[in-house]
């Protein structure tokens, strides 16, 4: 009975995993497009101009990335994109609440300081560590791009009078599939079993393949190419030793069942060998 229950549980988990994969298949292309946009807006590239629609798309991108994490049950990272919060912000923004959106955008795009980073760049160049200095300089450029995007977004938002801004927000939200009635459905879906944390090897495999492919495009910039990295991420030296390997003096490999049979299982014991001595009798028969 216990085995049957275990088999039933395993089958239900597999069916849920297949349902999650089927649901993700419908949004996979949208996830790939918006993940790249999110990376760009967070500083990987500099956009020449940012609009109100871009700020709505940023909220949409965070939500779609949250959907990906939930559908594929990514451990210890569900909620990092604050997807439900983004849906709530788009709903309230269409009703005229701009302040909450501005606060959220500032927290997402302006949470780092370049002061300490500039000091680290100077110290690295002072000791001749040009590789580290170049990497830090690249990171500082990403932070500057992020701040540049934030200023552009805020300038676009504040340029419109409130009634016209609501019209612009409503139009962008409907374009990305987040009209008020759609948001209610999307919030309910995120509380359903389909979006619950339910890890499974099928989900983990799909996520690894997906992010390995996506990582190639994300790290395609000049600063991430071989030869431009710090020693911490330099090329590996092969062959690599085993992790935490420790050789014990006098070690013996005990593979024989005469020694390596801690459970004293008779099925693992070697068959007994019968030794016989041949004794010739008067009849000429062999006597054991």
Protein backbone atom coordinates (compact mmCIF):
# COMPACT_ATOMS: atom_id res chain seq x y z
CA UNK A 1 0.00 0.00 0.00
CA UNK A 2 2.85 2.38 0.86
CA UNK A 3 4.48 1.66 -2.49
CA UNK A 4 1.22 2.38 -4.31
CA UNK A 5 0.86 5.71 -2.48
CA UNK A 6 4.44 6.62 -3.39
CA UNK A 7 3.84 5.76 -7.03
CA UNK A 8 0.66 7.84 -7.02
CA UNK A 9 2.47 10.83 -5.53
CA UNK A 10 5.28 10.51 -8.08
CA UNK A 11 2.80 10.36 -10.92
CA UNK A 12 0.92 13.44 -9.66
CA UNK A 13 4.17 15.38 -9.39
CA UNK A 14 5.10 14.41 -12.93
CA UNK A 15 1.69 15.43 -14.24
CA UNK A 16 2.00 18.80 -12.49
CA UNK A 17 5.49 19.27 -13.93
CA UNK A 18 4.19 18.53 -17.43
CA UNK A 19 1.36 21.02 -16.91
CA UNK A 20 3.88 23.64 -15.78
CA UNK A 21 6.04 23.02 -18.85
CA UNK A 22 3.00 23.30 -21.13
CA UNK A 23 2.03 26.61 -19.50
CA UNK A 24 5.57 27.96 -19.81
CA UNK A 25 5.71 26.98 -23.47
CA UNK A 26 2.98 29.55 -24.15
CA UNK A 27 5.02 32.40 -22.62
CA UNK A 28 8.59 31.26 -23.41
CA UNK A 29 9.06 33.52 -26.43
CA UNK A 30 7.61 36.46 -24.51
CA UNK A 31 9.95 35.70 -21.60
CA UNK A 32 13.02 35.68 -23.86
CA UNK A 33 12.13 39.03 -25.42
CA UNK A 34 11.37 40.72 -22.12
CA UNK A 35 14.29 39.24 -20.21
CA UNK A 36 16.65 40.88 -22.71
CA UNK A 37 14.73 44.16 -22.42
CA UNK A 38 14.94 44.00 -18.64
CA UNK A 39 18.72 43.46 -18.82
CA UNK A 40 19.06 46.44 -21.17
CA UNK A 41 16.98 48.75 -18.99
CA UNK A 42 19.03 47.69 -15.97
CA UNK A 43 22.17 48.99 -17.66
CA UNK A 44 23.64 46.39 -20.01
CA UNK A 45 23.11 48.88 -22.87
CA UNK A 46 22.10 52.52 -23.05
CA UNK A 47 18.79 53.35 -24.67
CA UNK A 48 18.70 56.70 -26.47
CA UNK A 49 15.23 57.47 -25.10
CA UNK A 50 12.81 55.96 -22.57
CA UNK A 51 9.07 56.45 -22.65
CA UNK A 52 6.07 55.82 -20.42
CA UNK A 53 5.45 52.67 -22.46
CA UNK A 54 8.98 51.49 -21.57
CA UNK A 55 8.23 51.84 -17.87
CA UNK A 56 5.06 49.76 -18.33
CA UNK A 57 7.04 47.21 -20.31
CA UNK A 58 9.59 47.04 -17.49
CA UNK A 59 6.82 46.13 -15.05
CA UNK A 60 5.50 43.61 -17.57
CA UNK A 61 9.01 42.12 -18.01
CA UNK A 62 9.44 41.69 -14.26
CA UNK A 63 6.05 39.97 -14.08
CA UNK A 64 6.81 37.58 -16.97
CA UNK A 65 10.17 36.69 -15.37
CA UNK A 66 8.33 35.96 -12.12
CA UNK A 67 5.98 33.68 -14.05
CA UNK A 68 8.98 31.81 -15.44
CA UNK A 69 10.46 31.32 -11.96
CA UNK A 70 7.16 30.04 -10.60
CA UNK A 71 6.27 27.75 -13.50
CA UNK A 72 9.73 26.17 -13.52
CA UNK A 73 9.92 26.19 -9.70
CA UNK A 74 13.30 27.90 -9.44
CA UNK A 75 14.54 27.26 -5.86
CA UNK A 76 15.31 30.14 -3.51
CA UNK A 77 14.53 32.78 -6.13
CA UNK A 78 10.74 32.85 -6.46
CA UNK A 79 9.61 36.38 -5.73
CA UNK A 80 12.85 38.13 -6.66
CA UNK A 81 11.15 39.93 -9.55
CA UNK A 82 8.10 40.96 -7.46
CA UNK A 83 5.75 39.99 -10.26
CA UNK A 84 2.55 40.23 -8.20
CA UNK A 85 3.59 43.67 -7.01
CA UNK A 86 4.10 44.72 -10.64
CA UNK A 87 0.57 43.61 -11.52
CA UNK A 88 -0.81 45.57 -8.58
CA UNK A 89 1.19 48.64 -9.62
CA UNK A 90 -0.09 48.50 -13.20
CA UNK A 91 -3.64 48.19 -11.90
CA UNK A 92 -3.33 51.14 -9.52
CA UNK A 93 -1.42 53.21 -12.09
CA UNK A 94 -4.34 52.92 -14.48
CA UNK A 95 -6.44 54.36 -11.66
CA UNK A 96 -4.10 57.33 -11.25
CA UNK A 97 -1.61 56.24 -8.53
CA UNK A 98 1.71 57.37 -10.02
CA UNK A 99 3.61 57.81 -6.76
CA UNK A 100 3.81 54.09 -5.95
CA UNK A 101 5.17 53.33 -9.43
CA UNK A 102 7.82 56.05 -9.16
CA UNK A 103 8.96 54.68 -5.81
CA UNK A 104 9.17 51.15 -7.20
CA UNK A 105 11.18 52.25 -10.26
CA UNK A 106 13.61 54.19 -8.08
CA UNK A 107 14.13 51.16 -5.85
CA UNK A 108 14.77 48.89 -8.84
CA UNK A 109 16.98 51.21 -10.89
CA UNK A 110 18.72 53.49 -8.38
CA UNK A 111 19.81 51.33 -5.46
CA UNK A 112 23.61 51.48 -5.92
CA UNK A 113 26.26 54.15 -5.41
CA UNK A 114 29.25 54.74 -7.68
CA UNK A 115 31.35 56.31 -4.93
CA UNK A 116 32.87 53.13 -3.50
CA UNK A 117 33.22 51.63 -6.97
CA UNK A 118 35.22 54.64 -8.21
CA UNK A 119 37.54 54.31 -5.22
CA UNK A 120 38.07 50.61 -5.96
CA UNK A 121 38.93 51.40 -9.59
CA UNK A 122 41.55 53.91 -8.47
CA UNK A 123 43.07 51.44 -5.98
CA UNK A 124 43.19 48.66 -8.59
CA UNK A 125 45.03 50.85 -11.08
CA UNK A 126 47.41 52.05 -8.38
CA UNK A 127 48.66 48.49 -7.78
CA UNK A 128 48.76 47.66 -11.50
CA UNK A 129 45.72 45.37 -11.56
CA UNK A 130 44.38 46.56 -14.89
CA UNK A 131 42.10 43.54 -15.44
CA UNK A 132 40.21 44.21 -12.21
CA UNK A 133 40.09 47.94 -12.90
CA UNK A 134 38.60 47.34 -16.36
CA UNK A 135 35.94 45.03 -14.96
CA UNK A 136 35.01 47.54 -12.25
CA UNK A 137 34.92 50.30 -14.85
CA UNK A 138 32.55 48.21 -16.95
CA UNK A 139 30.32 47.70 -13.91
CA UNK A 140 30.32 51.43 -13.22
CA UNK A 141 29.19 52.03 -16.79
CA UNK A 142 26.28 49.65 -16.24
CA UNK A 143 25.27 51.58 -13.12
CA UNK A 144 25.47 54.91 -14.99
CA UNK A 145 23.29 53.50 -17.79
CA UNK A 146 20.76 52.35 -15.23
CA UNK A 147 20.60 55.78 -13.64
CA UNK A 148 20.36 57.38 -17.07
CA UNK A 149 17.34 55.22 -17.89
CA UNK A 150 15.68 56.09 -14.59
CA UNK A 151 16.04 59.84 -15.22
CA UNK A 152 14.63 59.44 -18.73
CA UNK A 153 11.67 57.40 -17.48
CA UNK A 154 10.89 59.90 -14.73
CA UNK A 155 11.18 62.77 -17.19
CA UNK A 156 8.73 61.04 -19.54
CA UNK A 157 6.27 60.36 -16.70
CA UNK A 158 6.39 63.88 -15.27
CA UNK A 159 6.04 65.49 -18.71
CA UNK A 160 2.36 64.54 -19.00
CA UNK A 161 -0.54 66.09 -17.10
CA UNK A 162 -2.35 63.53 -14.95
CA UNK A 163 -5.34 62.81 -17.27
CA UNK A 164 -3.12 62.36 -20.33
CA UNK A 165 -0.67 60.22 -18.35
CA UNK A 166 -3.51 57.88 -17.34
CA UNK A 167 -4.46 57.53 -21.00
CA UNK A 168 -0.86 56.70 -21.94
CA UNK A 169 -0.56 54.16 -19.13
CA UNK A 170 -3.88 52.53 -19.96
CA UNK A 171 -2.93 52.22 -23.62
CA UNK A 172 0.45 50.64 -22.79
CA UNK A 173 -1.08 48.26 -20.24
CA UNK A 174 -3.65 47.04 -22.75
CA UNK A 175 -0.89 46.58 -25.34
CA UNK A 176 1.00 44.27 -23.00
CA UNK A 177 -2.12 42.39 -21.92
CA UNK A 178 -2.68 44.07 -18.56
CA UNK A 179 -6.06 45.75 -18.72
CA UNK A 180 -7.72 46.00 -15.30
CA UNK A 181 -9.92 42.93 -15.83
CA UNK A 182 -6.95 40.91 -17.15
CA UNK A 183 -4.86 41.80 -14.12
CA UNK A 184 -7.47 40.32 -11.77
CA UNK A 185 -7.27 37.02 -13.67
CA UNK A 186 -3.47 37.10 -13.69
CA UNK A 187 -3.29 37.71 -9.95
CA UNK A 188 -5.62 34.76 -9.33
CA UNK A 189 -3.51 32.53 -11.59
CA UNK A 190 -0.36 33.32 -9.62
CA UNK A 191 -2.06 31.97 -6.50
CA UNK A 192 -3.03 28.71 -8.22
CA UNK A 193 -1.33 25.31 -7.91
CA UNK A 194 0.21 25.73 -11.35
CA UNK A 195 2.36 28.59 -10.06
CA UNK A 196 3.17 26.96 -6.73
CA UNK A 197 6.66 25.73 -5.85
CA UNK A 198 6.83 22.08 -6.95
CA UNK A 199 10.37 21.14 -8.00
CA UNK A 200 10.84 18.31 -10.48
CA UNK A 201 13.81 17.08 -12.59
CA UNK A 202 11.92 17.91 -15.80
CA UNK A 203 11.53 21.53 -14.71
CA UNK A 204 15.15 21.83 -13.56
CA UNK A 205 16.43 20.42 -16.84
CA UNK A 206 14.32 22.80 -18.92
CA UNK A 207 15.47 25.78 -16.87
CA UNK A 208 19.15 24.85 -17.19
CA UNK A 209 18.91 24.45 -20.97
CA UNK A 210 16.97 27.69 -21.29
CA UNK A 211 19.30 29.80 -19.18
CA UNK A 212 22.45 28.27 -20.70
CA UNK A 213 21.23 29.39 -24.12
CA UNK A 214 20.12 32.78 -22.85
CA UNK A 215 23.36 33.32 -20.97
CA UNK A 216 25.30 33.32 -24.24
CA UNK A 217 23.51 36.44 -25.43
CA UNK A 218 23.56 38.13 -22.03
CA UNK A 219 27.36 37.76 -21.72
CA UNK A 220 28.16 38.64 -25.33
CA UNK A 221 29.56 42.09 -24.55
CA UNK A 222 33.25 42.86 -25.04
CA UNK A 223 33.92 42.96 -21.30
CA UNK A 224 32.71 39.37 -20.91
CA UNK A 225 34.86 37.87 -23.66
CA UNK A 226 37.85 35.58 -22.87
CA UNK A 227 41.01 37.53 -22.16
CA UNK A 228 39.14 40.43 -20.58
CA UNK A 229 38.33 38.80 -17.25
CA UNK A 230 39.91 38.98 -13.84
CA UNK A 231 41.88 35.99 -12.46
CA UNK A 232 38.83 34.99 -10.40
CA UNK A 233 37.02 33.98 -13.58
CA UNK A 234 40.05 33.05 -15.64
CA UNK A 235 40.34 29.95 -17.79
CA UNK A 236 40.29 26.67 -15.89
CA UNK A 237 43.43 24.56 -15.62
CA UNK A 238 42.75 20.96 -16.57
CA UNK A 239 42.54 18.36 -15.31
CA UNK A 240 40.78 19.62 -12.22
CA UNK A 241 41.34 17.64 -8.98
CA UNK A 242 38.37 16.13 -7.21
CA UNK A 243 36.52 18.48 -4.90
CA UNK A 244 37.83 18.25 -1.30
CA UNK A 245 40.06 15.32 -2.24
CA UNK A 246 42.14 13.95 0.63
CA UNK A 247 44.47 10.98 0.34
CA UNK A 248 44.58 8.82 3.46
CA UNK A 249 47.92 7.14 4.14
CA UNK A 250 47.72 3.37 4.02
CA UNK A 251 44.35 3.38 2.28
CA UNK A 252 43.04 0.14 0.74
CA UNK A 253 40.34 -0.30 -1.87
CA UNK A 254 38.05 -2.93 -0.35
CA UNK A 255 35.91 -4.20 -3.18
CA UNK A 256 35.88 -7.87 -2.21
CA UNK A 257 32.66 -9.02 -0.57
CA UNK A 258 34.76 -10.85 1.99
CA UNK A 259 35.66 -7.43 3.40
CA UNK A 260 33.03 -5.08 2.01
CA UNK A 261 29.81 -6.62 3.31
CA UNK A 262 28.72 -4.49 6.28
CA UNK A 263 25.22 -5.98 6.25
CA UNK A 264 26.56 -9.55 6.38
CA UNK A 265 24.27 -10.49 3.53
CA UNK A 266 24.63 -14.12 2.50
CA UNK A 267 23.67 -13.25 -1.06
CA UNK A 268 26.86 -11.20 -1.35
CA UNK A 269 29.14 -13.87 0.10
CA UNK A 270 31.32 -15.88 -2.22
CA UNK A 271 30.30 -19.56 -2.60
CA UNK A 272 32.14 -21.93 -0.34
CA UNK A 273 34.86 -23.95 -2.08
CA UNK A 274 34.87 -27.67 -1.24
CA UNK A 275 38.33 -29.08 -0.96
CA UNK A 276 38.57 -32.88 -1.35
CA UNK A 277 41.44 -35.29 -0.95
CA UNK A 278 41.51 -38.31 -3.20
CA UNK A 279 42.36 -41.58 -1.41
CA UNK A 280 42.76 -44.72 -3.47
CA UNK A 281 41.12 -47.76 -1.98
CA UNK A 282 41.47 -51.43 -2.84
CA UNK A 283 38.46 -51.26 -5.10
CA UNK A 284 40.15 -48.56 -7.10
CA UNK A 285 37.34 -46.03 -6.30
CA UNK A 286 38.18 -42.54 -5.32
CA UNK A 287 37.15 -41.77 -1.75
CA UNK A 288 36.76 -38.11 -0.74
